[in-house]
PDB file of N, CA and C in Angstrom:
ATOM      1  N   MET A   1      39.285   3.680 -25.395  1.00  0.00           N
ATOM      2  CA  MET A   1      39.577   3.191 -23.823  1.00  0.00           C
ATOM      3  C   MET A   1      37.936   2.731 -23.312  1.00  0.00           C
ATOM      4  N   LEU A   2      38.395   2.100 -22.702  1.00  0.00           N
ATOM      5  CA  LEU A   2      37.070   1.307 -21.639  1.00  0.00           C
ATOM      6  C   LEU A   2      37.270   1.822 -20.218  1.00  0.00           C
ATOM      7  N   TRP A   3      36.136   1.952 -19.721  1.00  0.00           N
ATOM      8  CA  TRP A   3      36.655   2.311 -18.076  1.00  0.00           C
ATOM      9  C   TRP A   3      35.331   1.619 -17.501  1.00  0.00           C
ATOM     10  N   VAL A   4      35.321   0.569 -16.785  1.00  0.00           N
ATOM     11  CA  VAL A   4      34.613  -0.219 -15.973  1.00  0.00           C
ATOM     12  C   VAL A   4      34.302   0.437 -14.764  1.00  0.00           C
ATOM     13  N   ILE A   5      33.298   0.660 -14.239  1.00  0.00           N
ATOM     14  CA  ILE A   5      33.203   1.165 -13.220  1.00  0.00           C
ATOM     15  C   ILE A   5      32.389   0.297 -11.961  1.00  0.00           C
ATOM     16  N   GLN A   6      32.972  -0.457 -10.563  1.00  0.00           N
ATOM     17  CA  GLN A   6      32.290  -1.128  -9.641  1.00  0.00           C
ATOM     18  C   GLN A   6      32.693  -0.702  -8.677  1.00  0.00           C
ATOM     19  N   GLU A   7      32.162  -0.181  -7.699  1.00  0.00           N
ATOM     20  CA  GLU A   7      32.086   0.337  -6.714  1.00  0.00           C
ATOM     21  C   GLU A   7      33.194   1.402  -6.396  1.00  0.00           C
ATOM     22  N   ASN A   8      34.137   1.469  -5.637  1.00  0.00           N
ATOM     23  CA  ASN A   8      35.850   2.009  -5.825  1.00  0.00           C
ATOM     24  C   ASN A   8      37.065   1.589  -6.819  1.00  0.00           C
ATOM     25  N   LEU A   9      36.389   0.582  -7.892  1.00  0.00           N
ATOM     26  CA  LEU A   9      37.356   0.009  -8.872  1.00  0.00           C
ATOM     27  C   LEU A   9      36.536   0.570 -10.145  1.00  0.00           C
ATOM     28  N   CYS A  10      37.680   1.323 -10.719  1.00  0.00           N
ATOM     29  CA  CYS A  10      37.869   1.594 -12.273  1.00  0.00           C
ATOM     30  C   CYS A  10      38.875   0.435 -13.082  1.00  0.00           C
ATOM     31  N   LEU A  11      38.637   0.217 -13.940  1.00  0.00           N
ATOM     32  CA  LEU A  11      39.227  -1.030 -14.249  1.00  0.00           C
ATOM     33  C   LEU A  11      39.146  -0.171 -16.062  1.00  0.00           C
ATOM     34  N   ASP A  12      40.662   0.052 -16.618  1.00  0.00           N
ATOM     35  CA  ASP A  12      41.132   0.237 -17.876  1.00  0.00           C
ATOM     36  C   ASP A  12      41.584  -0.519 -18.997  1.00  0.00           C
ATOM     37  N   THR A  13      41.483  -1.027 -19.557  1.00  0.00           N
ATOM     38  CA  THR A  13      41.744  -1.818 -20.740  1.00  0.00           C
ATOM     39  C   THR A  13      42.834  -2.290 -21.272  1.00  0.00           C
ATOM     40  N   ASN A  14      43.855  -0.233 -21.436  1.00  0.00           N
ATOM     41  CA  ASN A  14      44.737  -0.421 -21.766  1.00  0.00           C
ATOM     42  C   ASN A  14      45.608  -0.435 -20.527  1.00  0.00           C
ATOM     43  N   ILE A  15      46.895  -0.772 -20.897  1.00  0.00           N
ATOM     44  CA  ILE A  15      47.685  -1.003 -20.003  1.00  0.00           C
ATOM     45  C   ILE A  15      49.197  -0.583 -20.362  1.00  0.00           C
ATOM     46  N   GLU A  16      49.450   0.300 -19.266  1.00  0.00           N
ATOM     47  CA  GLU A  16      50.900   1.409 -19.328  1.00  0.00           C
ATOM     48  C   GLU A  16      51.401   0.058 -19.811  1.00  0.00           C
ATOM     49  N   PRO A  17      52.461   0.818 -20.802  1.00  0.00           N
ATOM     50  CA  PRO A  17      53.819  -0.059 -20.853  1.00  0.00           C
ATOM     51  C   PRO A  17      54.395  -0.307 -19.970  1.00  0.00           C
ATOM     52  N   ASP A  18      54.695   0.746 -18.840  1.00  0.00           N
ATOM     53  CA  ASP A  18      55.613   0.856 -17.682  1.00  0.00           C
ATOM     54  C   ASP A  18      55.170  -0.393 -16.954  1.00  0.00           C
ATOM     55  N   ALA A  19      53.955  -0.391 -16.445  1.00  0.00           N
ATOM     56  CA  ALA A  19      53.128  -1.569 -15.687  1.00  0.00           C
ATOM     57  C   ALA A  19      52.967  -2.657 -16.419  1.00  0.00           C
ATOM     58  N   TYR A  20      52.979  -2.914 -17.918  1.00  0.00           N
ATOM     59  CA  TYR A  20      53.509  -4.204 -18.248  1.00  0.00           C
ATOM     60  C   TYR A  20      55.001  -5.087 -18.032  1.00  0.00           C
ATOM     61  N   GLU A  21      55.572  -3.943 -18.141  1.00  0.00           N
ATOM     62  CA  GLU A  21      57.277  -4.407 -18.056  1.00  0.00           C
ATOM     63  C   GLU A  21      57.528  -4.115 -16.622  1.00  0.00           C
ATOM     64  N   PHE A  22      56.956  -3.680 -15.652  1.00  0.00           N
ATOM     65  CA  PHE A  22      57.183  -4.498 -14.619  1.00  0.00           C
ATOM     66  C   PHE A  22      56.618  -5.387 -13.593  1.00  0.00           C
ATOM     67  N   ALA A  23      55.620  -5.943 -14.445  1.00  0.00           N
ATOM     68  CA  ALA A  23      54.978  -7.382 -14.139  1.00  0.00           C
ATOM     69  C   ALA A  23      55.558  -8.551 -14.827  1.00  0.00           C
ATOM     70  N   LEU A  24      56.166  -7.879 -16.057  1.00  0.00           N
ATOM     71  CA  LEU A  24      57.388  -9.077 -16.466  1.00  0.00           C
ATOM     72  C   LEU A  24      58.401  -9.308 -15.893  1.00  0.00           C
ATOM     73  N   ARG A  25      59.177  -8.234 -15.221  1.00  0.00           N
ATOM     74  CA  ARG A  25      59.982  -7.882 -14.307  1.00  0.00           C
ATOM     75  C   ARG A  25      59.725  -9.106 -13.097  1.00  0.00           C
ATOM     76  N   MET A  26      58.796  -8.977 -12.584  1.00  0.00           N
ATOM     77  CA  MET A  26      58.139  -9.359 -11.338  1.00  0.00           C
ATOM     78  C   MET A  26      58.212 -10.918 -11.541  1.00  0.00           C
ATOM     79  N   ILE A  27      57.705 -11.526 -12.553  1.00  0.00           N
ATOM     80  CA  ILE A  27      57.443 -12.695 -12.861  1.00  0.00           C
ATOM     81  C   ILE A  27      59.055 -13.843 -13.017  1.00  0.00           C
ATOM     82  N   ALA A  28      59.702 -12.856 -13.890  1.00  0.00           N
ATOM     83  CA  ALA A  28      61.102 -13.512 -13.739  1.00  0.00           C
ATOM     84  C   ALA A  28      61.672 -13.438 -12.602  1.00  0.00           C
ATOM     85  N   VAL A  29      61.409 -12.984 -11.795  1.00  0.00           N
ATOM     86  CA  VAL A  29      61.931 -12.953 -10.150  1.00  0.00           C
ATOM     87  C   VAL A  29      61.464 -13.935  -9.466  1.00  0.00           C
ATOM     88  N   TRP A  30      60.108 -14.216  -9.366  1.00  0.00           N
ATOM     89  CA  TRP A  30      59.344 -15.300  -8.542  1.00  0.00           C
ATOM     90  C   TRP A  30      57.739 -15.704  -8.835  1.00  0.00           C
ATOM     91  N   GLN A  31      57.780 -16.639  -9.039  1.00  0.00           N
ATOM     92  CA  GLN A  31      56.153 -17.065  -9.706  1.00  0.00           C
ATOM     93  C   GLN A  31      55.934 -18.140  -8.384  1.00  0.00           C
ATOM     94  N   PRO A  32      54.487 -17.864  -7.702  1.00  0.00           N
ATOM     95  CA  PRO A  32      54.065 -18.715  -6.822  1.00  0.00           C
ATOM     96  C   PRO A  32      53.829 -20.024  -7.208  1.00  0.00           C
ATOM     97  N   SER A  33      53.134 -19.903  -8.273  1.00  0.00           N
ATOM     98  CA  SER A  33      52.903 -21.380  -9.597  1.00  0.00           C
ATOM     99  C   SER A  33      52.857 -20.451 -10.422  1.00  0.00           C
ATOM    100  N   ARG A  34      52.170 -22.150 -11.256  1.00  0.00           N
ATOM    101  CA  ARG A  34      51.780 -21.610 -12.562  1.00  0.00           C
ATOM    102  C   ARG A  34      51.137 -21.156 -12.763  1.00  0.00           C
ATOM    103  N   ALA A  35      49.877 -20.881 -12.470  1.00  0.00           N
ATOM    104  CA  ALA A  35      49.447 -20.253 -12.669  1.00  0.00           C
ATOM    105  C   ALA A  35      48.824 -19.001 -11.405  1.00  0.00           C
ATOM    106  N   PHE A  36      49.063 -17.735 -11.732  1.00  0.00           N
ATOM    107  CA  PHE A  36      48.290 -17.052 -10.607  1.00  0.00           C
ATOM    108  C   PHE A  36      48.050 -15.535 -10.772  1.00  0.00           C
ATOM    109  N   VAL A  37      47.341 -15.206  -9.902  1.00  0.00           N
ATOM    110  CA  VAL A  37      47.148 -13.245 -10.070  1.00  0.00           C
ATOM    111  C   VAL A  37      48.107 -12.432  -9.358  1.00  0.00           C
ATOM    112  N   PHE A  38      47.913 -10.866  -9.699  1.00  0.00           N
ATOM    113  CA  PHE A  38      48.755  -9.946  -8.720  1.00  0.00           C
ATOM    114  C   PHE A  38      48.310  -8.991  -8.997  1.00  0.00           C
ATOM    115  N   ASP A  39      48.220  -8.043  -7.893  1.00  0.00           N
ATOM    116  CA  ASP A  39      47.742  -6.574  -8.317  1.00  0.00           C
ATOM    117  C   ASP A  39      49.134  -5.649  -7.857  1.00  0.00           C
ATOM    118  N   ILE A  40      49.203  -4.659  -9.056  1.00  0.00           N
ATOM    119  CA  ILE A  40      50.298  -3.565  -8.952  1.00  0.00           C
ATOM    120  C   ILE A  40      49.410  -2.678  -8.672  1.00  0.00           C
ATOM    121  N   ALA A  41      50.625  -1.564  -7.941  1.00  0.00           N
ATOM    122  CA  ALA A  41      50.139  -0.135  -8.063  1.00  0.00           C
ATOM    123  C   ALA A  41      51.245   0.952  -8.175  1.00  0.00           C
ATOM    124  N   LEU A  42      50.691   1.992  -8.823  1.00  0.00           N
ATOM    125  CA  LEU A  42      51.855   2.986  -9.224  1.00  0.00           C
ATOM    126  C   LEU A  42      51.998   4.049  -8.024  1.00  0.00           C
ATOM    127  N   THR A  43      53.234   3.775  -6.973  1.00  0.00           N
ATOM    128  CA  THR A  43      53.252   4.446  -5.994  1.00  0.00           C
ATOM    129  C   THR A  43      54.267   5.923  -6.398  1.00  0.00           C
ATOM    130  N   HIS A  44      54.276   6.183  -5.331  1.00  0.00           N
ATOM    131  CA  HIS A  44      55.290   7.555  -5.664  1.00  0.00           C
ATOM    132  C   HIS A  44      56.963   7.371  -5.633  1.00  0.00           C
ATOM    133  N   GLU A  45      57.220   6.059  -4.838  1.00  0.00           N
ATOM    134  CA  GLU A  45      58.547   4.926  -5.512  1.00  0.00           C
ATOM    135  C   GLU A  45      58.489   4.172  -6.695  1.00  0.00           C
ATOM    136  N   GLY A  46      57.539   4.275  -7.258  1.00  0.00           N
ATOM    137  CA  GLY A  46      57.308   3.183  -8.409  1.00  0.00           C
ATOM    138  C   GLY A  46      56.361   2.122  -8.403  1.00  0.00           C
ATOM    139  N   TYR A  47      56.005   1.459  -9.692  1.00  0.00           N
ATOM    140  CA  TYR A  47      54.939   0.248  -9.154  1.00  0.00           C
ATOM    141  C   TYR A  47      55.371  -0.434  -7.851  1.00  0.00           C
ATOM    142  N   LYS A  48      54.568  -1.106  -7.428  1.00  0.00           N
ATOM    143  CA  LYS A  48      54.479  -1.740  -5.973  1.00  0.00           C
ATOM    144  C   LYS A  48      53.607  -3.185  -6.448  1.00  0.00           C
ATOM    145  N   ILE A  49      53.746  -4.402  -5.843  1.00  0.00           N
ATOM    146  CA  ILE A  49      53.240  -5.407  -5.679  1.00  0.00           C
ATOM    147  C   ILE A  49      51.925  -5.161  -4.656  1.00  0.00           C
ATOM    148  N   VAL A  50      50.824  -5.040  -5.118  1.00  0.00           N
ATOM    149  CA  VAL A  50      49.880  -4.853  -3.661  1.00  0.00           C
ATOM    150  C   VAL A  50      49.519  -6.430  -3.200  1.00  0.00           C
ATOM    151  N   GLU A  51      49.523  -6.756  -3.531  1.00  0.00           N
ATOM    152  CA  GLU A  51      48.762  -8.809  -3.362  1.00  0.00           C
ATOM    153  C   GLU A  51      49.085  -9.224  -4.467  1.00  0.00           C
ATOM    154  N   ILE A  52      49.503 -10.760  -3.835  1.00  0.00           N
ATOM    155  CA  ILE A  52      49.776 -11.811  -4.806  1.00  0.00           C
ATOM    156  C   ILE A  52      48.590 -13.351  -4.669  1.00  0.00           C
ATOM    157  N   ASN A  53      48.012 -13.830  -5.560  1.00  0.00           N
ATOM    158  CA  ASN A  53      46.979 -14.781  -4.612  1.00  0.00           C
ATOM    159  C   ASN A  53      47.120 -15.974  -5.929  1.00  0.00           C
ATOM    160  N   CYS A  54      46.346 -17.014  -5.502  1.00  0.00           N
ATOM    161  CA  CYS A  54      46.266 -18.359  -6.332  1.00  0.00           C
ATOM    162  C   CYS A  54      45.278 -18.229  -7.901  1.00  0.00           C
ATOM    163  N   ILE A  55      45.386 -18.445  -8.672  1.00  0.00           N
ATOM    164  CA  ILE A  55      43.842 -18.561  -9.914  1.00  0.00           C
ATOM    165  C   ILE A  55      42.692 -18.265  -8.988  1.00  0.00           C
ATOM    166  N   ASN A  56      42.055 -19.229  -8.355  1.00  0.00           N
ATOM    167  CA  ASN A  56      41.208 -18.840  -7.562  1.00  0.00           C
ATOM    168  C   ASN A  56      40.900 -18.077  -6.833  1.00  0.00           C
ATOM    169  N   SER A  57      41.511 -17.039  -6.651  1.00  0.00           N
ATOM    170  CA  SER A  57      40.912 -15.802  -6.123  1.00  0.00           C
ATOM    171  C   SER A  57      41.200 -14.551  -6.930  1.00  0.00           C
ATOM    172  N   ALA A  58      41.140 -15.525  -8.235  1.00  0.00           N
ATOM    173  CA  ALA A  58      41.141 -14.163  -9.201  1.00  0.00           C
ATOM    174  C   ALA A  58      39.636 -13.127  -9.114  1.00  0.00           C
ATOM    175  N   GLY A  59      39.062 -11.884  -9.558  1.00  0.00           N
ATOM    176  CA  GLY A  59      37.987 -11.248  -9.547  1.00  0.00           C
ATOM    177  C   GLY A  59      38.384 -10.806 -11.085  1.00  0.00           C
ATOM    178  N   PHE A  60      37.835 -11.905 -12.205  1.00  0.00           N
ATOM    179  CA  PHE A  60      37.169 -11.271 -13.304  1.00  0.00           C
ATOM    180  C   PHE A  60      37.426 -10.228 -14.033  1.00  0.00           C
ATOM    181  N   TYR A  61      36.203  -9.766 -13.368  1.00  0.00           N
ATOM    182  CA  TYR A  61      35.811  -7.992 -13.726  1.00  0.00           C
ATOM    183  C   TYR A  61      35.821  -8.126 -14.765  1.00  0.00           C
ATOM    184  N   ALA A  62      36.040  -7.043 -16.221  1.00  0.00           N
ATOM    185  CA  ALA A  62      36.088  -7.297 -16.907  1.00  0.00           C
ATOM    186  C   ALA A  62      36.941  -7.970 -18.094  1.00  0.00           C
ATOM    187  N   ALA A  63      37.443  -9.166 -17.240  1.00  0.00           N
ATOM    188  CA  ALA A  63      38.462  -9.691 -18.361  1.00  0.00           C
ATOM    189  C   ALA A  63      38.000 -10.866 -19.343  1.00  0.00           C
ATOM    190  N   ASP A  64      38.239 -11.259 -20.322  1.00  0.00           N
ATOM    191  CA  ASP A  64      37.987 -12.383 -21.240  1.00  0.00           C
ATOM    192  C   ASP A  64      37.381 -13.186 -20.577  1.00  0.00           C
ATOM    193  N   VAL A  65      37.064 -13.996 -19.689  1.00  0.00           N
ATOM    194  CA  VAL A  65      37.134 -15.014 -19.286  1.00  0.00           C
ATOM    195  C   VAL A  65      37.205 -16.463 -20.134  1.00  0.00           C
ATOM    196  N   SER A  66      36.541 -16.554 -21.089  1.00  0.00           N
ATOM    197  CA  SER A  66      37.047 -17.827 -22.270  1.00  0.00           C
ATOM    198  C   SER A  66      38.703 -17.647 -22.560  1.00  0.00           C
ATOM    199  N   LYS A  67      38.984 -16.615 -22.731  1.00  0.00           N
ATOM    200  CA  LYS A  67      40.603 -16.340 -22.698  1.00  0.00           C
ATOM    201  C   LYS A  67      41.381 -17.257 -21.961  1.00  0.00           C
ATOM    202  N   ILE A  68      40.947 -16.860 -20.537  1.00  0.00           N
ATOM    203  CA  ILE A  68      42.122 -17.087 -19.509  1.00  0.00           C
ATOM    204  C   ILE A  68      41.630 -19.067 -19.452  1.00  0.00           C
ATOM    205  N   VAL A  69      40.868 -18.855 -19.614  1.00  0.00           N
ATOM    206  CA  VAL A  69      40.186 -20.797 -19.648  1.00  0.00           C
ATOM    207  C   VAL A  69      41.098 -21.588 -20.699  1.00  0.00           C
ATOM    208  N   ASN A  70      41.259 -20.855 -21.752  1.00  0.00           N
ATOM    209  CA  ASN A  70      42.024 -21.210 -22.939  1.00  0.00           C
ATOM    210  C   ASN A  70      43.346 -21.653 -22.255  1.00  0.00           C
ATOM    211  N   ALA A  71      43.792 -20.478 -22.072  1.00  0.00           N
ATOM    212  CA  ALA A  71      45.088 -20.267 -21.632  1.00  0.00           C
ATOM    213  C   ALA A  71      45.840 -21.629 -20.806  1.00  0.00           C
ATOM    214  N   LEU A  72      45.273 -21.778 -19.669  1.00  0.00           N
ATOM    215  CA  LEU A  72      44.912 -22.863 -18.214  1.00  0.00           C
ATOM    216  C   LEU A  72      44.751 -24.172 -19.317  1.00  0.00           C
ATOM    217  N   GLN A  73      44.031 -24.311 -20.175  1.00  0.00           N
ATOM    218  CA  GLN A  73      43.691 -25.444 -20.943  1.00  0.00           C
ATOM    219  C   GLN A  73      45.111 -25.819 -21.902  1.00  0.00           C
ATOM    220  N   THR A  74      45.618 -25.149 -22.336  1.00  0.00           N
ATOM    221  CA  THR A  74      46.497 -24.996 -23.289  1.00  0.00           C
ATOM    222  C   THR A  74      47.757 -24.972 -22.432  1.00  0.00           C
ATOM    223  N   MET A  75      48.065 -24.735 -21.100  1.00  0.00           N
ATOM    224  CA  MET A  75      49.255 -24.660 -20.182  1.00  0.00           C
ATOM    225  C   MET A  75      50.115 -25.743 -20.055  1.00  0.00           C
ATOM    226  N   GLN A  76      51.479 -25.369 -20.036  1.00  0.00           N
ATOM    227  CA  GLN A  76      52.168 -26.858 -20.044  1.00  0.00           C
ATOM    228  C   GLN A  76      52.719 -26.906 -18.846  1.00  0.00           C
ATOM    229  N   CYS A  77      52.559 -28.200 -18.674  1.00  0.00           N
ATOM    230  CA  CYS A  77      53.066 -28.379 -16.595  1.00  0.00           C
ATOM    231  C   CYS A  77      54.725 -28.533 -16.315  1.00  0.00           C
TER     232      CYS A  77
END
């Protein structure tokens, strides 16, 4: 498990299966554009979307930026 601490932000490279499934369900419901980012949080009512932004607003944090660039370059329009 990799933890990255930046101010009050804690990133874990392991994604909970329930969180991943929630994200996929939300993407199936609505996508604002071909490339976007959204933050989710686990609340006492279940997972919720906290915010949605265009890819230009993404904070890359501990992400593999080369994978993101490659995915954007190979994306079908």
